[in-house]
Amino acid sequence: MSLRAGRCTGQAGLTLVEFVFAISIIAVTSLGVAGMFPAALRSVASGGQVTKATILAQAMADMIRNDPFDTLVTRYNNLNTSTDTTLRTLTCPVTPSGYDPDYNKKKWKCDIVATTAQLSGRGLPSGYGTVFVACLNADGTTNSTVPCPTDLRRVTVAVTWDARGSRSVSLVTYVARTE
């Protein structure tokens, strides 16, 4: 047996030019990926606000459905949490002391305008809520007779907030007399 020593004709490793070229490709693609993070963060924050507004609108619709049918129009129609006189000087949080017919409205306003909304993750920036209750006929048309002679109401609940322009979520539900 004999061993031969031969010369290696190829070079192992990278040249400096190849190394610089590879690093520049990695740098450009990394910058592209890093540029997506601010947009993704804005999308997550915006989606979170829409989710909060939807939950707040659903909560108010549930509270309204649980109230006595005959009080819906007088208690909730044309409610605006930013202009309602009973809610204007409200101090949050609200704790009920005995029966308070306006407790649902007060709680809803406090939930919408929770202090330090951005820092705590609660509430919405510059948020307010509106409720409209319409008397409906059996065919779905509105009835403006006072008092409402039918046993069907359309309740529209909206939550509006300011996040780089006014945003809003609206929910429509129907309430029928069950007694």
N, C-alpha and C. Protein backbone atom coordinates (compact mmCIF):
# COMPACT_ATOMS: atom_id res chain seq x y z
N MET A 1 0.80 -1.17 0.00
CA MET A 1 0.00 0.00 0.00
C MET A 1 0.85 1.24 0.00
N SER A 2 0.37 2.13 -0.78
CA SER A 2 1.11 3.39 -0.79
C SER A 2 0.12 4.55 -0.68
N LEU A 3 0.53 5.53 -0.02
CA LEU A 3 -0.26 6.74 0.14
C LEU A 3 0.35 7.84 -0.68
N ARG A 4 -0.50 8.55 -1.32
CA ARG A 4 0.00 9.66 -2.11
C ARG A 4 -0.48 10.97 -1.51
N ALA A 5 0.32 11.88 -1.49
CA ALA A 5 -0.04 13.22 -1.05
C ALA A 5 -0.32 14.03 -2.30
N GLY A 6 -1.47 14.62 -2.32
CA GLY A 6 -1.81 15.42 -3.48
C GLY A 6 -2.10 16.87 -3.08
N ARG A 7 -2.10 17.64 -4.05
CA ARG A 7 -2.39 19.05 -3.80
C ARG A 7 -3.88 19.30 -3.90
N CYS A 8 -4.31 20.18 -3.07
CA CYS A 8 -5.73 20.58 -3.07
C CYS A 8 -5.88 21.71 -4.07
N THR A 9 -6.73 21.53 -5.07
CA THR A 9 -6.86 22.56 -6.08
C THR A 9 -7.93 23.59 -5.76
N GLY A 10 -8.99 23.23 -4.93
CA GLY A 10 -10.06 24.18 -4.59
C GLY A 10 -9.76 24.87 -3.27
N GLN A 11 -10.33 26.03 -3.11
CA GLN A 11 -10.16 26.76 -1.85
C GLN A 11 -11.36 26.51 -0.96
N ALA A 12 -11.12 26.32 0.31
CA ALA A 12 -12.20 26.15 1.28
C ALA A 12 -12.52 27.51 1.90
N GLY A 13 -13.84 27.78 2.21
CA GLY A 13 -14.23 29.02 2.88
C GLY A 13 -14.75 30.05 1.91
N LEU A 14 -15.01 31.24 2.44
CA LEU A 14 -15.59 32.32 1.65
C LEU A 14 -14.56 33.43 1.45
N THR A 15 -14.70 34.11 0.34
CA THR A 15 -13.86 35.28 0.15
C THR A 15 -14.51 36.45 0.85
N LEU A 16 -13.79 37.51 1.00
CA LEU A 16 -14.32 38.70 1.67
C LEU A 16 -15.49 39.29 0.89
N VAL A 17 -15.46 39.26 -0.42
CA VAL A 17 -16.54 39.80 -1.25
C VAL A 17 -17.81 38.98 -1.05
N GLU A 18 -17.70 37.67 -1.02
CA GLU A 18 -18.86 36.81 -0.80
C GLU A 18 -19.47 37.04 0.58
N PHE A 19 -18.60 37.20 1.56
CA PHE A 19 -19.07 37.44 2.93
C PHE A 19 -19.83 38.77 3.03
N VAL A 20 -19.31 39.83 2.46
CA VAL A 20 -19.96 41.15 2.48
C VAL A 20 -21.29 41.08 1.73
N PHE A 21 -21.32 40.39 0.62
CA PHE A 21 -22.56 40.24 -0.14
C PHE A 21 -23.63 39.49 0.67
N ALA A 22 -23.27 38.42 1.35
CA ALA A 22 -24.21 37.65 2.16
C ALA A 22 -24.74 38.49 3.34
N ILE A 23 -23.87 39.22 3.98
CA ILE A 23 -24.28 40.08 5.11
C ILE A 23 -25.22 41.18 4.63
N SER A 24 -24.96 41.76 3.46
CA SER A 24 -25.85 42.82 2.96
C SER A 24 -27.24 42.27 2.63
N ILE A 25 -27.34 41.07 2.12
CA ILE A 25 -28.65 40.46 1.85
C ILE A 25 -29.39 40.22 3.16
N ILE A 26 -28.71 39.71 4.16
CA ILE A 26 -29.33 39.48 5.47
C ILE A 26 -29.79 40.81 6.08
N ALA A 27 -28.98 41.86 5.96
CA ALA A 27 -29.34 43.16 6.53
C ALA A 27 -30.58 43.75 5.86
N VAL A 28 -30.65 43.67 4.54
CA VAL A 28 -31.80 44.23 3.81
C VAL A 28 -33.08 43.48 4.18
N THR A 29 -33.04 42.16 4.24
CA THR A 29 -34.25 41.40 4.59
C THR A 29 -34.63 41.63 6.05
N SER A 30 -33.66 41.78 6.93
CA SER A 30 -33.97 42.06 8.34
C SER A 30 -34.63 43.42 8.51
N LEU A 31 -34.17 44.42 7.77
CA LEU A 31 -34.80 45.74 7.84
C LEU A 31 -36.25 45.69 7.33
N GLY A 32 -36.49 44.90 6.30
CA GLY A 32 -37.85 44.75 5.79
C GLY A 32 -38.77 44.13 6.81
N VAL A 33 -38.30 43.11 7.48
CA VAL A 33 -39.10 42.45 8.51
C VAL A 33 -39.30 43.38 9.70
N ALA A 34 -38.27 44.09 10.11
CA ALA A 34 -38.38 45.02 11.25
C ALA A 34 -39.35 46.16 10.95
N GLY A 35 -39.46 46.55 9.69
CA GLY A 35 -40.39 47.61 9.31
C GLY A 35 -41.85 47.20 9.46
N MET A 36 -42.12 45.91 9.52
CA MET A 36 -43.50 45.44 9.67
C MET A 36 -43.99 45.55 11.11
N PHE A 37 -43.12 45.58 12.08
CA PHE A 37 -43.52 45.57 13.48
C PHE A 37 -44.37 46.77 13.89
N PRO A 38 -44.03 48.02 13.54
CA PRO A 38 -44.91 49.14 13.92
C PRO A 38 -46.32 49.02 13.33
N ALA A 39 -46.42 48.59 12.08
CA ALA A 39 -47.74 48.42 11.45
C ALA A 39 -48.52 47.32 12.15
N ALA A 40 -47.84 46.24 12.51
CA ALA A 40 -48.51 45.15 13.21
C ALA A 40 -48.98 45.61 14.60
N LEU A 41 -48.19 46.40 15.28
CA LEU A 41 -48.56 46.91 16.60
C LEU A 41 -49.80 47.82 16.50
N ARG A 42 -49.83 48.67 15.47
CA ARG A 42 -51.01 49.53 15.27
C ARG A 42 -52.25 48.69 14.98
N SER A 43 -52.10 47.64 14.20
CA SER A 43 -53.24 46.77 13.90
C SER A 43 -53.74 46.06 15.14
N VAL A 44 -52.84 45.60 15.98
CA VAL A 44 -53.24 44.92 17.21
C VAL A 44 -53.96 45.89 18.14
N ALA A 45 -53.43 47.12 18.28
CA ALA A 45 -54.08 48.12 19.14
C ALA A 45 -55.46 48.49 18.61
N SER A 46 -55.57 48.68 17.30
CA SER A 46 -56.86 49.03 16.70
C SER A 46 -57.86 47.89 16.87
N GLY A 47 -57.42 46.67 16.65
CA GLY A 47 -58.30 45.51 16.84
C GLY A 47 -58.74 45.37 18.28
N GLY A 48 -57.85 45.68 19.21
CA GLY A 48 -58.20 45.63 20.63
C GLY A 48 -59.27 46.65 20.97
N GLN A 49 -59.18 47.85 20.38
CA GLN A 49 -60.19 48.87 20.64
C GLN A 49 -61.54 48.48 20.05
N VAL A 50 -61.54 47.90 18.87
CA VAL A 50 -62.80 47.44 18.27
C VAL A 50 -63.42 46.35 19.13
N THR A 51 -62.60 45.45 19.64
CA THR A 51 -63.10 44.39 20.50
C THR A 51 -63.69 44.96 21.78
N LYS A 52 -62.99 45.92 22.40
CA LYS A 52 -63.52 46.56 23.62
C LYS A 52 -64.85 47.23 23.35
N ALA A 53 -64.93 47.98 22.25
CA ALA A 53 -66.17 48.69 21.91
C ALA A 53 -67.31 47.70 21.67
N THR A 54 -67.03 46.60 21.01
CA THR A 54 -68.06 45.58 20.76
C THR A 54 -68.54 44.97 22.06
N ILE A 55 -67.62 44.67 22.96
CA ILE A 55 -67.99 44.10 24.26
C ILE A 55 -68.82 45.09 25.06
N LEU A 56 -68.45 46.38 25.03
CA LEU A 56 -69.20 47.40 25.76
C LEU A 56 -70.61 47.58 25.19
N ALA A 57 -70.74 47.56 23.86
CA ALA A 57 -72.06 47.67 23.24
C ALA A 57 -72.92 46.45 23.59
N GLN A 58 -72.33 45.27 23.54
CA GLN A 58 -73.08 44.06 23.88
C GLN A 58 -73.50 44.07 25.34
N ALA A 59 -72.64 44.55 26.22
CA ALA A 59 -72.98 44.62 27.65
C ALA A 59 -74.18 45.54 27.88
N MET A 60 -74.19 46.69 27.20
CA MET A 60 -75.32 47.61 27.38
C MET A 60 -76.60 47.00 26.81
N ALA A 61 -76.51 46.34 25.67
CA ALA A 61 -77.69 45.70 25.09
C ALA A 61 -78.24 44.64 26.05
N ASP A 62 -77.36 43.89 26.69
CA ASP A 62 -77.80 42.89 27.67
C ASP A 62 -78.47 43.54 28.87
N MET A 63 -77.90 44.65 29.36
CA MET A 63 -78.52 45.35 30.49
C MET A 63 -79.90 45.87 30.13
N ILE A 64 -80.03 46.38 28.90
CA ILE A 64 -81.33 46.90 28.46
C ILE A 64 -82.35 45.77 28.35
N ARG A 65 -81.95 44.64 27.80
CA ARG A 65 -82.87 43.51 27.67
C ARG A 65 -83.34 42.99 29.02
N ASN A 66 -82.55 43.19 30.06
CA ASN A 66 -82.92 42.73 31.40
C ASN A 66 -83.78 43.72 32.17
N ASP A 67 -83.93 44.93 31.67
CA ASP A 67 -84.77 45.92 32.34
C ASP A 67 -86.24 45.70 32.00
N PRO A 68 -87.15 46.22 32.83
CA PRO A 68 -88.59 46.07 32.53
C PRO A 68 -88.94 46.66 31.16
N PHE A 69 -89.73 45.95 30.41
CA PHE A 69 -90.07 46.34 29.03
C PHE A 69 -90.68 47.74 28.96
N ASP A 70 -91.56 48.07 29.90
CA ASP A 70 -92.25 49.36 29.83
C ASP A 70 -91.35 50.55 30.11
N THR A 71 -90.14 50.34 30.61
CA THR A 71 -89.24 51.46 30.93
C THR A 71 -88.18 51.70 29.86
N LEU A 72 -88.13 50.88 28.84
CA LEU A 72 -87.05 50.98 27.85
C LEU A 72 -87.01 52.33 27.15
N VAL A 73 -88.14 52.80 26.65
CA VAL A 73 -88.15 54.05 25.90
C VAL A 73 -87.82 55.22 26.81
N THR A 74 -88.49 55.31 27.96
CA THR A 74 -88.27 56.46 28.84
C THR A 74 -86.88 56.45 29.47
N ARG A 75 -86.34 55.30 29.74
CA ARG A 75 -85.05 55.22 30.42
C ARG A 75 -83.86 55.32 29.48
N TYR A 76 -83.97 54.79 28.25
CA TYR A 76 -82.78 54.68 27.40
C TYR A 76 -82.84 55.43 26.07
N ASN A 77 -84.01 55.80 25.58
CA ASN A 77 -84.06 56.42 24.26
C ASN A 77 -83.31 57.75 24.26
N ASN A 78 -82.52 57.94 23.22
CA ASN A 78 -81.69 59.15 23.03
C ASN A 78 -80.63 59.32 24.10
N LEU A 79 -80.18 58.25 24.70
CA LEU A 79 -79.11 58.33 25.69
C LEU A 79 -77.78 58.61 24.98
N ASN A 80 -77.05 59.57 25.51
CA ASN A 80 -75.69 59.87 25.04
C ASN A 80 -74.86 60.09 26.30
N THR A 81 -73.89 59.23 26.54
CA THR A 81 -73.14 59.29 27.80
C THR A 81 -72.30 60.55 27.92
N SER A 82 -72.02 61.24 26.82
CA SER A 82 -71.22 62.45 26.91
C SER A 82 -72.06 63.70 27.16
N THR A 83 -73.37 63.64 26.90
CA THR A 83 -74.20 64.82 27.10
C THR A 83 -75.30 64.66 28.13
N ASP A 84 -75.56 63.44 28.60
CA ASP A 84 -76.62 63.19 29.57
C ASP A 84 -76.32 63.95 30.87
N THR A 85 -77.30 64.71 31.35
CA THR A 85 -77.08 65.56 32.53
C THR A 85 -76.82 64.74 33.79
N THR A 86 -77.42 63.56 33.93
CA THR A 86 -77.18 62.76 35.13
C THR A 86 -75.80 62.11 35.11
N LEU A 87 -75.18 62.04 33.93
CA LEU A 87 -73.88 61.39 33.81
C LEU A 87 -72.72 62.38 33.71
N ARG A 88 -73.03 63.65 33.51
CA ARG A 88 -71.98 64.64 33.26
C ARG A 88 -71.00 64.78 34.42
N THR A 89 -71.51 64.79 35.65
CA THR A 89 -70.65 64.98 36.82
C THR A 89 -70.39 63.67 37.55
N LEU A 90 -70.48 62.59 36.85
CA LEU A 90 -70.33 61.27 37.44
C LEU A 90 -68.88 61.02 37.87
N THR A 91 -68.72 60.43 39.06
CA THR A 91 -67.42 60.02 39.54
C THR A 91 -67.33 58.49 39.46
N CYS A 92 -66.33 58.01 38.77
CA CYS A 92 -66.17 56.57 38.59
C CYS A 92 -65.12 56.04 39.55
N PRO A 93 -65.19 54.79 39.94
CA PRO A 93 -66.20 53.79 39.63
C PRO A 93 -67.48 54.01 40.42
N VAL A 94 -68.56 53.43 39.92
CA VAL A 94 -69.87 53.58 40.52
C VAL A 94 -70.18 52.33 41.35
N THR A 95 -70.64 52.55 42.56
CA THR A 95 -71.08 51.43 43.39
C THR A 95 -72.53 51.68 43.77
N PRO A 96 -73.40 50.70 43.53
CA PRO A 96 -74.82 50.92 43.83
C PRO A 96 -75.07 50.97 45.33
N SER A 97 -75.90 51.90 45.73
CA SER A 97 -76.34 51.95 47.13
C SER A 97 -77.86 51.99 47.10
N GLY A 98 -78.45 50.82 47.20
CA GLY A 98 -79.90 50.74 47.07
C GLY A 98 -80.29 50.72 45.60
N TYR A 99 -81.56 50.89 45.34
CA TYR A 99 -82.06 50.85 43.97
C TYR A 99 -81.74 52.17 43.26
N ASP A 100 -81.12 52.08 42.13
CA ASP A 100 -80.81 53.25 41.30
C ASP A 100 -81.20 52.93 39.87
N PRO A 101 -82.28 53.55 39.36
CA PRO A 101 -82.72 53.24 38.00
C PRO A 101 -81.70 53.63 36.93
N ASP A 102 -80.76 54.51 37.28
CA ASP A 102 -79.75 54.95 36.31
C ASP A 102 -78.42 54.22 36.46
N TYR A 103 -78.37 53.18 37.29
CA TYR A 103 -77.11 52.49 37.54
C TYR A 103 -76.50 51.91 36.26
N ASN A 104 -77.32 51.30 35.40
CA ASN A 104 -76.79 50.72 34.16
C ASN A 104 -76.11 51.78 33.30
N LYS A 105 -76.73 52.95 33.18
CA LYS A 105 -76.16 54.03 32.39
C LYS A 105 -74.84 54.51 33.00
N LYS A 106 -74.82 54.65 34.32
CA LYS A 106 -73.61 55.12 35.00
C LYS A 106 -72.47 54.11 34.85
N LYS A 107 -72.79 52.84 35.05
CA LYS A 107 -71.76 51.81 34.93
C LYS A 107 -71.21 51.76 33.51
N TRP A 108 -72.10 51.88 32.53
CA TRP A 108 -71.68 51.83 31.13
C TRP A 108 -70.75 52.99 30.81
N LYS A 109 -71.09 54.19 31.27
CA LYS A 109 -70.23 55.34 31.01
C LYS A 109 -68.86 55.12 31.66
N CYS A 110 -68.85 54.65 32.90
CA CYS A 110 -67.57 54.42 33.58
C CYS A 110 -66.74 53.37 32.85
N ASP A 111 -67.38 52.35 32.32
CA ASP A 111 -66.66 51.32 31.57
C ASP A 111 -66.07 51.88 30.27
N ILE A 112 -66.79 52.79 29.63
CA ILE A 112 -66.31 53.35 28.36
C ILE A 112 -65.16 54.32 28.59
N VAL A 113 -65.29 55.18 29.58
CA VAL A 113 -64.29 56.24 29.77
C VAL A 113 -63.33 55.93 30.90
N ALA A 114 -63.07 54.66 31.14
CA ALA A 114 -62.17 54.29 32.24
C ALA A 114 -60.91 55.14 32.18
N THR A 115 -60.53 55.68 33.34
CA THR A 115 -59.37 56.57 33.39
C THR A 115 -58.13 55.83 32.94
N THR A 116 -57.22 56.57 32.36
CA THR A 116 -55.97 56.04 31.79
C THR A 116 -56.26 54.86 30.87
N ALA A 117 -57.19 55.06 29.93
CA ALA A 117 -57.61 53.99 29.03
C ALA A 117 -56.43 53.35 28.30
N GLN A 118 -55.51 54.14 27.84
CA GLN A 118 -54.39 53.59 27.08
C GLN A 118 -53.42 52.82 27.97
N LEU A 119 -53.20 53.31 29.19
CA LEU A 119 -52.23 52.66 30.07
C LEU A 119 -52.80 51.41 30.73
N SER A 120 -54.06 51.45 31.13
CA SER A 120 -54.64 50.33 31.85
C SER A 120 -55.21 49.26 30.94
N GLY A 121 -55.43 49.61 29.67
CA GLY A 121 -56.05 48.65 28.76
C GLY A 121 -57.57 48.62 28.89
N ARG A 122 -58.12 49.46 29.77
CA ARG A 122 -59.57 49.52 29.94
C ARG A 122 -60.07 50.80 29.29
N GLY A 123 -61.33 50.80 28.92
CA GLY A 123 -61.94 51.99 28.35
C GLY A 123 -61.43 52.27 26.95
N LEU A 124 -61.93 53.37 26.40
CA LEU A 124 -61.56 53.79 25.05
C LEU A 124 -61.19 55.27 25.08
N PRO A 125 -60.20 55.68 24.29
CA PRO A 125 -59.81 57.10 24.30
C PRO A 125 -60.93 57.97 23.75
N SER A 126 -61.32 58.97 24.53
CA SER A 126 -62.40 59.91 24.17
C SER A 126 -63.68 59.16 23.79
N GLY A 127 -63.98 58.09 24.50
CA GLY A 127 -65.13 57.27 24.16
C GLY A 127 -66.44 57.74 24.77
N TYR A 128 -67.52 57.45 24.08
CA TYR A 128 -68.87 57.70 24.60
C TYR A 128 -69.83 56.72 23.94
N GLY A 129 -70.99 56.56 24.55
CA GLY A 129 -71.97 55.62 24.04
C GLY A 129 -73.31 56.29 23.79
N THR A 130 -74.04 55.76 22.83
CA THR A 130 -75.39 56.26 22.53
C THR A 130 -76.34 55.07 22.43
N VAL A 131 -77.60 55.34 22.79
CA VAL A 131 -78.66 54.33 22.70
C VAL A 131 -79.89 54.99 22.11
N PHE A 132 -80.52 54.30 21.18
CA PHE A 132 -81.78 54.74 20.60
C PHE A 132 -82.76 53.58 20.67
N VAL A 133 -83.95 53.84 21.18
CA VAL A 133 -84.99 52.82 21.30
C VAL A 133 -86.16 53.26 20.43
N ALA A 134 -86.55 52.42 19.49
CA ALA A 134 -87.65 52.75 18.59
C ALA A 134 -88.80 51.76 18.81
N CYS A 135 -90.00 52.29 18.75
CA CYS A 135 -91.21 51.48 18.83
C CYS A 135 -91.46 50.92 17.42
N LEU A 136 -91.67 49.60 17.32
CA LEU A 136 -91.86 48.99 16.01
C LEU A 136 -93.24 48.38 15.87
N ASN A 137 -93.76 48.49 14.67
CA ASN A 137 -94.99 47.79 14.32
C ASN A 137 -94.63 46.35 13.96
N ALA A 138 -95.62 45.52 13.79
CA ALA A 138 -95.39 44.11 13.46
C ALA A 138 -94.67 43.94 12.13
N ASP A 139 -94.84 44.88 11.21
CA ASP A 139 -94.18 44.78 9.90
C ASP A 139 -92.76 45.34 9.90
N GLY A 140 -92.28 45.82 11.06
CA GLY A 140 -90.92 46.33 11.17
C GLY A 140 -90.77 47.82 10.98
N THR A 141 -91.86 48.51 10.64
CA THR A 141 -91.79 49.96 10.50
C THR A 141 -91.86 50.61 11.87
N THR A 142 -91.30 51.80 11.99
CA THR A 142 -91.32 52.49 13.28
C THR A 142 -92.68 53.12 13.53
N ASN A 143 -93.02 53.20 14.80
CA ASN A 143 -94.29 53.77 15.23
C ASN A 143 -93.96 54.91 16.17
N SER A 144 -94.37 56.13 15.84
CA SER A 144 -94.03 57.29 16.66
C SER A 144 -95.11 57.66 17.67
N THR A 145 -96.12 56.81 17.82
CA THR A 145 -97.19 57.08 18.78
C THR A 145 -96.63 57.00 20.20
N VAL A 146 -97.00 57.97 21.04
CA VAL A 146 -96.58 57.96 22.45
C VAL A 146 -97.82 57.85 23.31
N PRO A 147 -97.89 56.92 24.21
CA PRO A 147 -96.95 55.83 24.44
C PRO A 147 -97.05 54.81 23.32
N CYS A 148 -96.01 54.04 23.19
CA CYS A 148 -95.90 53.05 22.12
C CYS A 148 -96.97 51.97 22.32
N PRO A 149 -97.81 51.74 21.31
CA PRO A 149 -98.89 50.76 21.47
C PRO A 149 -98.49 49.31 21.16
N THR A 150 -97.28 49.09 20.67
CA THR A 150 -96.89 47.72 20.28
C THR A 150 -95.98 47.08 21.32
N ASP A 151 -95.72 45.81 21.14
CA ASP A 151 -94.89 45.05 22.08
C ASP A 151 -93.53 44.69 21.50
N LEU A 152 -92.99 45.55 20.63
CA LEU A 152 -91.70 45.30 20.01
C LEU A 152 -90.89 46.59 19.97
N ARG A 153 -89.61 46.50 20.36
CA ARG A 153 -88.71 47.65 20.36
C ARG A 153 -87.43 47.27 19.61
N ARG A 154 -86.92 48.25 18.85
CA ARG A 154 -85.60 48.09 18.23
C ARG A 154 -84.64 48.96 19.03
N VAL A 155 -83.60 48.34 19.56
CA VAL A 155 -82.61 49.05 20.37
C VAL A 155 -81.30 49.10 19.59
N THR A 156 -80.80 50.32 19.36
CA THR A 156 -79.53 50.52 18.67
C THR A 156 -78.53 51.08 19.68
N VAL A 157 -77.48 50.34 19.92
CA VAL A 157 -76.44 50.74 20.86
C VAL A 157 -75.17 50.99 20.06
N ALA A 158 -74.55 52.17 20.28
CA ALA A 158 -73.31 52.50 19.57
C ALA A 158 -72.27 52.98 20.57
N VAL A 159 -71.04 52.60 20.32
CA VAL A 159 -69.90 53.07 21.10
C VAL A 159 -68.95 53.75 20.11
N THR A 160 -68.61 55.00 20.41
CA THR A 160 -67.75 55.79 19.54
C THR A 160 -66.52 56.22 20.32
N TRP A 161 -65.38 56.23 19.68
CA TRP A 161 -64.14 56.68 20.33
C TRP A 161 -63.26 57.33 19.29
N ASP A 162 -62.22 58.00 19.77
CA ASP A 162 -61.32 58.73 18.90
C ASP A 162 -59.96 58.04 18.90
N ALA A 163 -59.66 57.39 17.83
CA ALA A 163 -58.36 56.76 17.66
C ALA A 163 -57.87 57.13 16.27
N ARG A 164 -57.16 58.25 16.17
CA ARG A 164 -56.72 58.77 14.88
C ARG A 164 -57.91 58.90 13.93
N GLY A 165 -58.92 59.62 14.37
CA GLY A 165 -60.16 59.76 13.63
C GLY A 165 -61.26 59.04 14.37
N SER A 166 -62.46 59.45 14.20
CA SER A 166 -63.57 58.87 14.94
C SER A 166 -63.87 57.45 14.45
N ARG A 167 -63.98 56.52 15.40
CA ARG A 167 -64.33 55.13 15.10
C ARG A 167 -65.60 54.79 15.86
N SER A 168 -66.36 53.84 15.38
CA SER A 168 -67.62 53.52 16.01
C SER A 168 -67.98 52.05 15.78
N VAL A 169 -68.65 51.47 16.78
CA VAL A 169 -69.20 50.13 16.67
C VAL A 169 -70.67 50.25 17.03
N SER A 170 -71.53 49.67 16.23
CA SER A 170 -72.97 49.76 16.46
C SER A 170 -73.59 48.36 16.50
N LEU A 171 -74.55 48.21 17.40
CA LEU A 171 -75.23 46.93 17.57
C LEU A 171 -76.72 47.18 17.59
N VAL A 172 -77.47 46.39 16.85
CA VAL A 172 -78.93 46.52 16.83
C VAL A 172 -79.51 45.22 17.37
N THR A 173 -80.45 45.36 18.30
CA THR A 173 -81.13 44.19 18.86
C THR A 173 -82.61 44.52 18.97
N TYR A 174 -83.41 43.49 19.07
CA TYR A 174 -84.85 43.66 19.19
C TYR A 174 -85.30 43.08 20.53
N VAL A 175 -86.22 43.81 21.18
CA VAL A 175 -86.74 43.39 22.46
C VAL A 175 -88.26 43.30 22.34
N ALA A 176 -88.81 42.17 22.74
CA ALA A 176 -90.26 41.98 22.70
C ALA A 176 -90.78 41.79 24.12
N ARG A 177 -92.01 42.21 24.32
CA ARG A 177 -92.65 42.00 25.62
C ARG A 177 -92.85 40.49 25.82
N THR A 178 -92.43 40.00 26.96
CA THR A 178 -92.55 38.57 27.23
C THR A 178 -93.62 38.25 28.27
N GLU A 179 -94.18 39.25 28.94
CA GLU A 179 -95.19 38.99 29.97
C GLU A 179 -96.49 38.62 29.35
